[in-house]
PDB file of N, CA and C in Angstrom:
ATOM      1  N   MET A   1     172.487 -64.743  -2.883  1.00  0.00           N
ATOM      2  CA  MET A   1     173.609 -65.537  -2.374  1.00  0.00           C
ATOM      3  C   MET A   1     174.401 -66.031  -3.592  1.00  0.00           C
ATOM      4  N   LEU A   2     175.637 -66.112  -3.408  1.00  0.00           N
ATOM      5  CA  LEU A   2     176.596 -66.669  -4.417  1.00  0.00           C
ATOM      6  C   LEU A   2     176.332 -68.112  -4.618  1.00  0.00           C
ATOM      7  N   LYS A   3     176.376 -68.538  -5.887  1.00  0.00           N
ATOM      8  CA  LYS A   3     176.305 -69.995  -6.222  1.00  0.00           C
ATOM      9  C   LYS A   3     177.596 -70.319  -6.999  1.00  0.00           C
ATOM     10  N   ARG A   4     178.293 -71.317  -6.456  1.00  0.00           N
ATOM     11  CA  ARG A   4     179.536 -71.707  -7.148  1.00  0.00           C
ATOM     12  C   ARG A   4     179.329 -73.107  -7.702  1.00  0.00           C
ATOM     13  N   TYR A   5     179.560 -73.269  -9.014  1.00  0.00           N
ATOM     14  CA  TYR A   5     179.393 -74.566  -9.744  1.00  0.00           C
ATOM     15  C   TYR A   5     180.732 -75.179  -9.948  1.00  0.00           C
ATOM     16  N   GLY A   6     180.840 -76.386  -9.683  1.00  0.00           N
ATOM     17  CA  GLY A   6     182.107 -77.121  -9.980  1.00  0.00           C
ATOM     18  C   GLY A   6     182.369 -78.182  -8.891  1.00  0.00           C
ATOM     19  N   ILE A   7     183.581 -78.803  -8.917  1.00  0.00           N
ATOM     20  CA  ILE A   7     184.009 -79.737  -7.953  1.00  0.00           C
ATOM     21  C   ILE A   7     185.468 -79.307  -7.602  1.00  0.00           C
ATOM     22  N   PRO A   8     185.920 -79.617  -6.416  1.00  0.00           N
ATOM     23  CA  PRO A   8     187.250 -79.261  -5.930  1.00  0.00           C
ATOM     24  C   PRO A   8     188.342 -79.942  -6.777  1.00  0.00           C
ATOM     25  N   GLN A   9     188.035 -81.052  -7.425  1.00  0.00           N
ATOM     26  CA  GLN A   9     189.038 -81.776  -8.205  1.00  0.00           C
ATOM     27  C   GLN A   9     189.265 -81.066  -9.584  1.00  0.00           C
ATOM     28  N   SER A  10     189.002 -79.759  -9.693  1.00  0.00           N
ATOM     29  CA  SER A  10     189.171 -79.058 -10.969  1.00  0.00           C
ATOM     30  C   SER A  10     189.663 -77.676 -10.651  1.00  0.00           C
ATOM     31  N   ARG A  11     189.673 -76.811 -11.648  1.00  0.00           N
ATOM     32  CA  ARG A  11     190.091 -75.450 -11.322  1.00  0.00           C
ATOM     33  C   ARG A  11     189.137 -74.686 -10.477  1.00  0.00           C
ATOM     34  N   ALA A  12     187.999 -75.353 -10.191  1.00  0.00           N
ATOM     35  CA  ALA A  12     187.023 -74.760  -9.240  1.00  0.00           C
ATOM     36  C   ALA A  12     187.574 -74.582  -7.855  1.00  0.00           C
ATOM     37  N   PHE A  13     188.747 -75.251  -7.602  1.00  0.00           N
ATOM     38  CA  PHE A  13     189.343 -75.115  -6.242  1.00  0.00           C
ATOM     39  C   PHE A  13     189.760 -73.761  -5.951  1.00  0.00           C
ATOM     40  N   ARG A  14     190.149 -73.014  -6.989  1.00  0.00           N
ATOM     41  CA  ARG A  14     190.625 -71.630  -6.795  1.00  0.00           C
ATOM     42  C   ARG A  14     189.534 -70.743  -6.094  1.00  0.00           C
ATOM     43  N   PRO A  15     188.364 -70.554  -6.743  1.00  0.00           N
ATOM     44  CA  PRO A  15     187.344 -69.805  -6.096  1.00  0.00           C
ATOM     45  C   PRO A  15     186.846 -70.420  -4.737  1.00  0.00           C
ATOM     46  N   LEU A  16     186.849 -71.718  -4.660  1.00  0.00           N
ATOM     47  CA  LEU A  16     186.487 -72.312  -3.407  1.00  0.00           C
ATOM     48  C   LEU A  16     187.364 -71.890  -2.273  1.00  0.00           C
ATOM     49  N   GLY A  17     188.672 -71.895  -2.525  1.00  0.00           N
ATOM     50  CA  GLY A  17     189.620 -71.404  -1.484  1.00  0.00           C
ATOM     51  C   GLY A  17     189.440 -69.950  -1.169  1.00  0.00           C
ATOM     52  N   LEU A  18     189.147 -69.119  -2.179  1.00  0.00           N
ATOM     53  CA  LEU A  18     189.011 -67.734  -1.933  1.00  0.00           C
ATOM     54  C   LEU A  18     187.680 -67.448  -1.169  1.00  0.00           C
ATOM     55  N   LEU A  19     186.623 -68.125  -1.527  1.00  0.00           N
ATOM     56  CA  LEU A  19     185.365 -68.001  -0.740  1.00  0.00           C
ATOM     57  C   LEU A  19     185.579 -68.374   0.701  1.00  0.00           C
ATOM     58  N   TYR A  20     186.352 -69.354   0.908  1.00  0.00           N
ATOM     59  CA  TYR A  20     186.667 -69.771   2.302  1.00  0.00           C
ATOM     60  C   TYR A  20     187.491 -68.690   3.001  1.00  0.00           C
ATOM     61  N   GLU A  21     188.532 -68.204   2.333  1.00  0.00           N
ATOM     62  CA  GLU A  21     189.416 -67.239   2.988  1.00  0.00           C
ATOM     63  C   GLU A  21     188.733 -65.915   3.247  1.00  0.00           C
ATOM     64  N   LEU A  22     187.776 -65.500   2.342  1.00  0.00           N
ATOM     65  CA  LEU A  22     186.994 -64.276   2.542  1.00  0.00           C
ATOM     66  C   LEU A  22     185.797 -64.433   3.416  1.00  0.00           C
ATOM     67  N   ASP A  23     185.502 -65.734   3.773  1.00  0.00           N
ATOM     68  CA  ASP A  23     184.391 -66.004   4.627  1.00  0.00           C
ATOM     69  C   ASP A  23     183.055 -65.465   4.053  1.00  0.00           C
ATOM     70  N   LEU A  24     182.940 -65.732   2.756  1.00  0.00           N
ATOM     71  CA  LEU A  24     181.689 -65.278   2.062  1.00  0.00           C
ATOM     72  C   LEU A  24     180.719 -66.467   2.086  1.00  0.00           C
ATOM     73  N   PRO A  25     179.514 -66.184   2.333  1.00  0.00           N
ATOM     74  CA  PRO A  25     178.452 -67.264   2.237  1.00  0.00           C
ATOM     75  C   PRO A  25     178.158 -67.588   0.775  1.00  0.00           C
ATOM     76  N   TYR A  26     178.008 -68.881   0.481  1.00  0.00           N
ATOM     77  CA  TYR A  26     177.827 -69.313  -0.858  1.00  0.00           C
ATOM     78  C   TYR A  26     177.124 -70.651  -0.843  1.00  0.00           C
ATOM     79  N   GLU A  27     176.469 -70.955  -1.958  1.00  0.00           N
ATOM     80  CA  GLU A  27     175.844 -72.290  -2.155  1.00  0.00           C
ATOM     81  C   GLU A  27     176.770 -73.058  -3.159  1.00  0.00           C
ATOM     82  N   GLN A  28     177.152 -74.247  -2.751  1.00  0.00           N
ATOM     83  CA  GLN A  28     177.902 -75.139  -3.607  1.00  0.00           C
ATOM     84  C   GLN A  28     176.978 -75.995  -4.473  1.00  0.00           C
ATOM     85  N   VAL A  29     177.198 -75.887  -5.752  1.00  0.00           N
ATOM     86  CA  VAL A  29     176.423 -76.776  -6.704  1.00  0.00           C
ATOM     87  C   VAL A  29     177.444 -77.669  -7.314  1.00  0.00           C
ATOM     88  N   ARG A  30     177.365 -78.967  -6.931  1.00  0.00           N
ATOM     89  CA  ARG A  30     178.290 -79.961  -7.456  1.00  0.00           C
ATOM     90  C   ARG A  30     178.086 -80.239  -8.921  1.00  0.00           C
ATOM     91  N   LEU A  31     179.083 -79.870  -9.701  1.00  0.00           N
ATOM     92  CA  LEU A  31     179.022 -80.083 -11.180  1.00  0.00           C
ATOM     93  C   LEU A  31     180.322 -80.685 -11.605  1.00  0.00           C
ATOM     94  N   ASP A  32     180.268 -81.916 -12.025  1.00  0.00           N
ATOM     95  CA  ASP A  32     181.508 -82.652 -12.447  1.00  0.00           C
ATOM     96  C   ASP A  32     181.745 -82.476 -13.947  1.00  0.00           C
ATOM     97  N   TYR A  33     182.957 -82.129 -14.277  1.00  0.00           N
ATOM     98  CA  TYR A  33     183.325 -81.959 -15.636  1.00  0.00           C
ATOM     99  C   TYR A  33     183.490 -83.305 -16.407  1.00  0.00           C
ATOM    100  N   ARG A  34     183.564 -84.333 -15.677  1.00  0.00           N
ATOM    101  CA  ARG A  34     183.730 -85.678 -16.281  1.00  0.00           C
ATOM    102  C   ARG A  34     182.354 -86.218 -16.532  1.00  0.00           C
ATOM    103  N   GLY A  35     181.906 -86.186 -17.740  1.00  0.00           N
ATOM    104  CA  GLY A  35     180.514 -86.670 -18.025  1.00  0.00           C
ATOM    105  C   GLY A  35     179.766 -85.613 -18.802  1.00  0.00           C
ATOM    106  N   ASP A  36     178.457 -85.826 -18.786  1.00  0.00           N
ATOM    107  CA  ASP A  36     177.551 -85.016 -19.576  1.00  0.00           C
ATOM    108  C   ASP A  36     176.936 -83.834 -18.820  1.00  0.00           C
ATOM    109  N   ALA A  37     177.209 -83.748 -17.555  1.00  0.00           N
ATOM    110  CA  ALA A  37     176.594 -82.654 -16.730  1.00  0.00           C
ATOM    111  C   ALA A  37     176.832 -81.257 -17.262  1.00  0.00           C
ATOM    112  N   VAL A  38     178.075 -80.987 -17.659  1.00  0.00           N
ATOM    113  CA  VAL A  38     178.358 -79.663 -18.142  1.00  0.00           C
ATOM    114  C   VAL A  38     177.722 -79.268 -19.524  1.00  0.00           C
ATOM    115  N   SER A  39     177.305 -80.312 -20.220  1.00  0.00           N
ATOM    116  CA  SER A  39     176.601 -80.023 -21.516  1.00  0.00           C
ATOM    117  C   SER A  39     175.101 -80.128 -21.393  1.00  0.00           C
ATOM    118  N   ASP A  40     174.607 -80.275 -20.171  1.00  0.00           N
ATOM    119  CA  ASP A  40     173.163 -80.248 -19.948  1.00  0.00           C
ATOM    120  C   ASP A  40     172.620 -78.882 -20.335  1.00  0.00           C
ATOM    121  N   PRO A  41     171.388 -78.799 -20.921  1.00  0.00           N
ATOM    122  CA  PRO A  41     170.921 -77.506 -21.341  1.00  0.00           C
ATOM    123  C   PRO A  41     170.800 -76.445 -20.219  1.00  0.00           C
ATOM    124  N   ASP A  42     170.452 -76.852 -19.029  1.00  0.00           N
ATOM    125  CA  ASP A  42     170.417 -75.898 -17.899  1.00  0.00           C
ATOM    126  C   ASP A  42     171.780 -75.360 -17.627  1.00  0.00           C
ATOM    127  N   CYS A  43     172.828 -76.189 -17.695  1.00  0.00           N
ATOM    128  CA  CYS A  43     174.184 -75.704 -17.449  1.00  0.00           C
ATOM    129  C   CYS A  43     174.653 -74.858 -18.565  1.00  0.00           C
ATOM    130  N   LEU A  44     174.321 -75.210 -19.803  1.00  0.00           N
ATOM    131  CA  LEU A  44     174.730 -74.421 -20.973  1.00  0.00           C
ATOM    132  C   LEU A  44     174.077 -73.018 -20.959  1.00  0.00           C
ATOM    133  N   ALA A  45     172.896 -72.876 -20.345  1.00  0.00           N
ATOM    134  CA  ALA A  45     172.203 -71.595 -20.219  1.00  0.00           C
ATOM    135  C   ALA A  45     173.071 -70.660 -19.334  1.00  0.00           C
ATOM    136  N   ILE A  46     173.746 -71.247 -18.296  1.00  0.00           N
ATOM    137  CA  ILE A  46     174.634 -70.496 -17.411  1.00  0.00           C
ATOM    138  C   ILE A  46     175.936 -70.210 -18.043  1.00  0.00           C
ATOM    139  N   ASN A  47     176.568 -71.243 -18.581  1.00  0.00           N
ATOM    140  CA  ASN A  47     177.933 -71.165 -19.146  1.00  0.00           C
ATOM    141  C   ASN A  47     177.974 -71.915 -20.438  1.00  0.00           C
ATOM    142  N   PRO A  48     177.932 -71.229 -21.604  1.00  0.00           N
ATOM    143  CA  PRO A  48     177.958 -71.857 -22.918  1.00  0.00           C
ATOM    144  C   PRO A  48     179.398 -72.398 -23.220  1.00  0.00           C
ATOM    145  N   ASN A  49     180.351 -72.132 -22.461  1.00  0.00           N
ATOM    146  CA  ASN A  49     181.743 -72.646 -22.739  1.00  0.00           C
ATOM    147  C   ASN A  49     181.929 -74.074 -22.418  1.00  0.00           C
ATOM    148  N   VAL A  50     180.925 -74.713 -21.777  1.00  0.00           N
ATOM    149  CA  VAL A  50     180.987 -76.141 -21.366  1.00  0.00           C
ATOM    150  C   VAL A  50     182.218 -76.453 -20.557  1.00  0.00           C
ATOM    151  N   ARG A  51     182.446 -75.559 -19.528  1.00  0.00           N
ATOM    152  CA  ARG A  51     183.566 -75.733 -18.598  1.00  0.00           C
ATOM    153  C   ARG A  51     183.127 -75.331 -17.225  1.00  0.00           C
ATOM    154  N   ILE A  52     183.856 -75.757 -16.234  1.00  0.00           N
ATOM    155  CA  ILE A  52     183.691 -75.297 -14.863  1.00  0.00           C
ATOM    156  C   ILE A  52     184.951 -74.642 -14.416  1.00  0.00           C
ATOM    157  N   PRO A  53     184.927 -73.780 -13.450  1.00  0.00           N
ATOM    158  CA  PRO A  53     183.829 -73.381 -12.614  1.00  0.00           C
ATOM    159  C   PRO A  53     183.068 -72.227 -13.209  1.00  0.00           C
ATOM    160  N   HIS A  54     181.902 -71.945 -12.630  1.00  0.00           N
ATOM    161  CA  HIS A  54     181.217 -70.766 -12.892  1.00  0.00           C
ATOM    162  C   HIS A  54     180.551 -70.330 -11.583  1.00  0.00           C
ATOM    163  N   LEU A  55     180.281 -69.068 -11.483  1.00  0.00           N
ATOM    164  CA  LEU A  55     179.742 -68.419 -10.300  1.00  0.00           C
ATOM    165  C   LEU A  55     178.533 -67.557 -10.725  1.00  0.00           C
ATOM    166  N   VAL A  56     177.472 -67.663  -9.936  1.00  0.00           N
ATOM    167  CA  VAL A  56     176.302 -66.807 -10.192  1.00  0.00           C
ATOM    168  C   VAL A  56     176.128 -65.973  -8.949  1.00  0.00           C
ATOM    169  N   ASP A  57     176.063 -64.685  -9.198  1.00  0.00           N
ATOM    170  CA  ASP A  57     175.784 -63.689  -8.144  1.00  0.00           C
ATOM    171  C   ASP A  57     174.554 -62.865  -8.626  1.00  0.00           C
ATOM    172  N   ALA A  58     173.372 -63.152  -8.198  1.00  0.00           N
ATOM    173  CA  ALA A  58     172.157 -62.544  -8.670  1.00  0.00           C
ATOM    174  C   ALA A  58     172.075 -62.677 -10.144  1.00  0.00           C
ATOM    175  N   ALA A  59     172.048 -61.616 -10.942  1.00  0.00           N
ATOM    176  CA  ALA A  59     171.941 -61.701 -12.370  1.00  0.00           C
ATOM    177  C   ALA A  59     173.300 -61.790 -13.061  1.00  0.00           C
ATOM    178  N   LEU A  60     174.386 -61.744 -12.326  1.00  0.00           N
ATOM    179  CA  LEU A  60     175.760 -61.802 -12.929  1.00  0.00           C
ATOM    180  C   LEU A  60     176.204 -63.208 -12.913  1.00  0.00           C
ATOM    181  N   VAL A  61     176.731 -63.617 -14.126  1.00  0.00           N
ATOM    182  CA  VAL A  61     177.301 -64.926 -14.265  1.00  0.00           C
ATOM    183  C   VAL A  61     178.742 -64.836 -14.742  1.00  0.00           C
ATOM    184  N   LEU A  62     179.660 -65.469 -14.039  1.00  0.00           N
ATOM    185  CA  LEU A  62     181.080 -65.424 -14.361  1.00  0.00           C
ATOM    186  C   LEU A  62     181.564 -66.807 -14.554  1.00  0.00           C
ATOM    187  N   TRP A  63     182.494 -67.063 -15.512  1.00  0.00           N
ATOM    188  CA  TRP A  63     183.180 -68.328 -15.589  1.00  0.00           C
ATOM    189  C   TRP A  63     184.641 -68.056 -15.719  1.00  0.00           C
ATOM    190  N   GLY A  64     185.423 -69.102 -15.387  1.00  0.00           N
ATOM    191  CA  GLY A  64     186.848 -68.978 -15.385  1.00  0.00           C
ATOM    192  C   GLY A  64     187.315 -68.695 -13.943  1.00  0.00           C
ATOM    193  N   SER A  65     188.147 -69.581 -13.421  1.00  0.00           N
ATOM    194  CA  SER A  65     188.553 -69.452 -12.006  1.00  0.00           C
ATOM    195  C   SER A  65     189.225 -68.144 -11.681  1.00  0.00           C
ATOM    196  N   MET A  66     190.064 -67.627 -12.519  1.00  0.00           N
ATOM    197  CA  MET A  66     190.769 -66.356 -12.257  1.00  0.00           C
ATOM    198  C   MET A  66     189.812 -65.157 -12.313  1.00  0.00           C
ATOM    199  N   ALA A  67     188.885 -65.150 -13.275  1.00  0.00           N
ATOM    200  CA  ALA A  67     187.924 -64.113 -13.357  1.00  0.00           C
ATOM    201  C   ALA A  67     186.979 -64.077 -12.160  1.00  0.00           C
ATOM    202  N   ILE A  68     186.639 -65.230 -11.675  1.00  0.00           N
ATOM    203  CA  ILE A  68     185.800 -65.366 -10.486  1.00  0.00           C
ATOM    204  C   ILE A  68     186.595 -64.901  -9.263  1.00  0.00           C
ATOM    205  N   ASP A  69     187.822 -65.227  -9.132  1.00  0.00           N
ATOM    206  CA  ASP A  69     188.649 -64.751  -7.990  1.00  0.00           C
ATOM    207  C   ASP A  69     188.826 -63.273  -8.017  1.00  0.00           C
ATOM    208  N   LEU A  70     189.039 -62.630  -9.202  1.00  0.00           N
ATOM    209  CA  LEU A  70     189.147 -61.222  -9.253  1.00  0.00           C
ATOM    210  C   LEU A  70     187.828 -60.505  -8.879  1.00  0.00           C
ATOM    211  N   TYR A  71     186.736 -61.086  -9.329  1.00  0.00           N
ATOM    212  CA  TYR A  71     185.450 -60.548  -8.961  1.00  0.00           C
ATOM    213  C   TYR A  71     185.225 -60.593  -7.454  1.00  0.00           C
ATOM    214  N   LEU A  72     185.452 -61.727  -6.864  1.00  0.00           N
ATOM    215  CA  LEU A  72     185.258 -61.899  -5.379  1.00  0.00           C
ATOM    216  C   LEU A  72     186.154 -60.965  -4.631  1.00  0.00           C
ATOM    217  N   ALA A  73     187.378 -60.833  -5.048  1.00  0.00           N
ATOM    218  CA  ALA A  73     188.264 -59.949  -4.364  1.00  0.00           C
ATOM    219  C   ALA A  73     187.760 -58.427  -4.429  1.00  0.00           C
ATOM    220  N   HIS A  74     187.317 -58.109  -5.607  1.00  0.00           N
ATOM    221  CA  HIS A  74     186.813 -56.726  -5.783  1.00  0.00           C
ATOM    222  C   HIS A  74     185.522 -56.577  -4.944  1.00  0.00           C
ATOM    223  N   LYS A  75     184.672 -57.533  -4.955  1.00  0.00           N
ATOM    224  CA  LYS A  75     183.433 -57.505  -4.224  1.00  0.00           C
ATOM    225  C   LYS A  75     183.692 -57.381  -2.708  1.00  0.00           C
ATOM    226  N   GLN A  76     184.698 -58.095  -2.231  1.00  0.00           N
ATOM    227  CA  GLN A  76     185.025 -58.018  -0.778  1.00  0.00           C
ATOM    228  C   GLN A  76     185.620 -56.590  -0.443  1.00  0.00           C
ATOM    229  N   ALA A  77     186.470 -56.112  -1.388  1.00  0.00           N
ATOM    230  CA  ALA A  77     187.061 -54.775  -1.177  1.00  0.00           C
ATOM    231  C   ALA A  77     186.012 -53.728  -1.076  1.00  0.00           C
ATOM    232  N   GLN A  78     184.997 -53.750  -1.904  1.00  0.00           N
ATOM    233  CA  GLN A  78     183.897 -52.840  -1.962  1.00  0.00           C
ATOM    234  C   GLN A  78     183.031 -52.866  -0.691  1.00  0.00           C
ATOM    235  N   ALA A  79     182.953 -54.060  -0.081  1.00  0.00           N
ATOM    236  CA  ALA A  79     182.187 -54.162   1.098  1.00  0.00           C
ATOM    237  C   ALA A  79     182.913 -53.691   2.357  1.00  0.00           C
ATOM    238  N   ALA A  80     184.190 -53.686   2.267  1.00  0.00           N
ATOM    239  CA  ALA A  80     184.985 -53.273   3.468  1.00  0.00           C
ATOM    240  C   ALA A  80     185.018 -51.760   3.641  1.00  0.00           C
TER     241      ALA A  80
END
């Protein structure tokens, strides 16, 4: 299952909207960029850029809202 990290009050709203529009199942992991959560070692292991959003799909990790959107669109097109 897809895991989306971030909060809607950030650029993470882009993938959130696309996940909704594509009706893809996902798990939301609330990760606020205001504070130390993004520099936590567990978070840094996923995304060393210390930014949100990021998306985990099995062994694939993506960060950057536009990169995530492109990936989701391509994934949906392959499934159709």
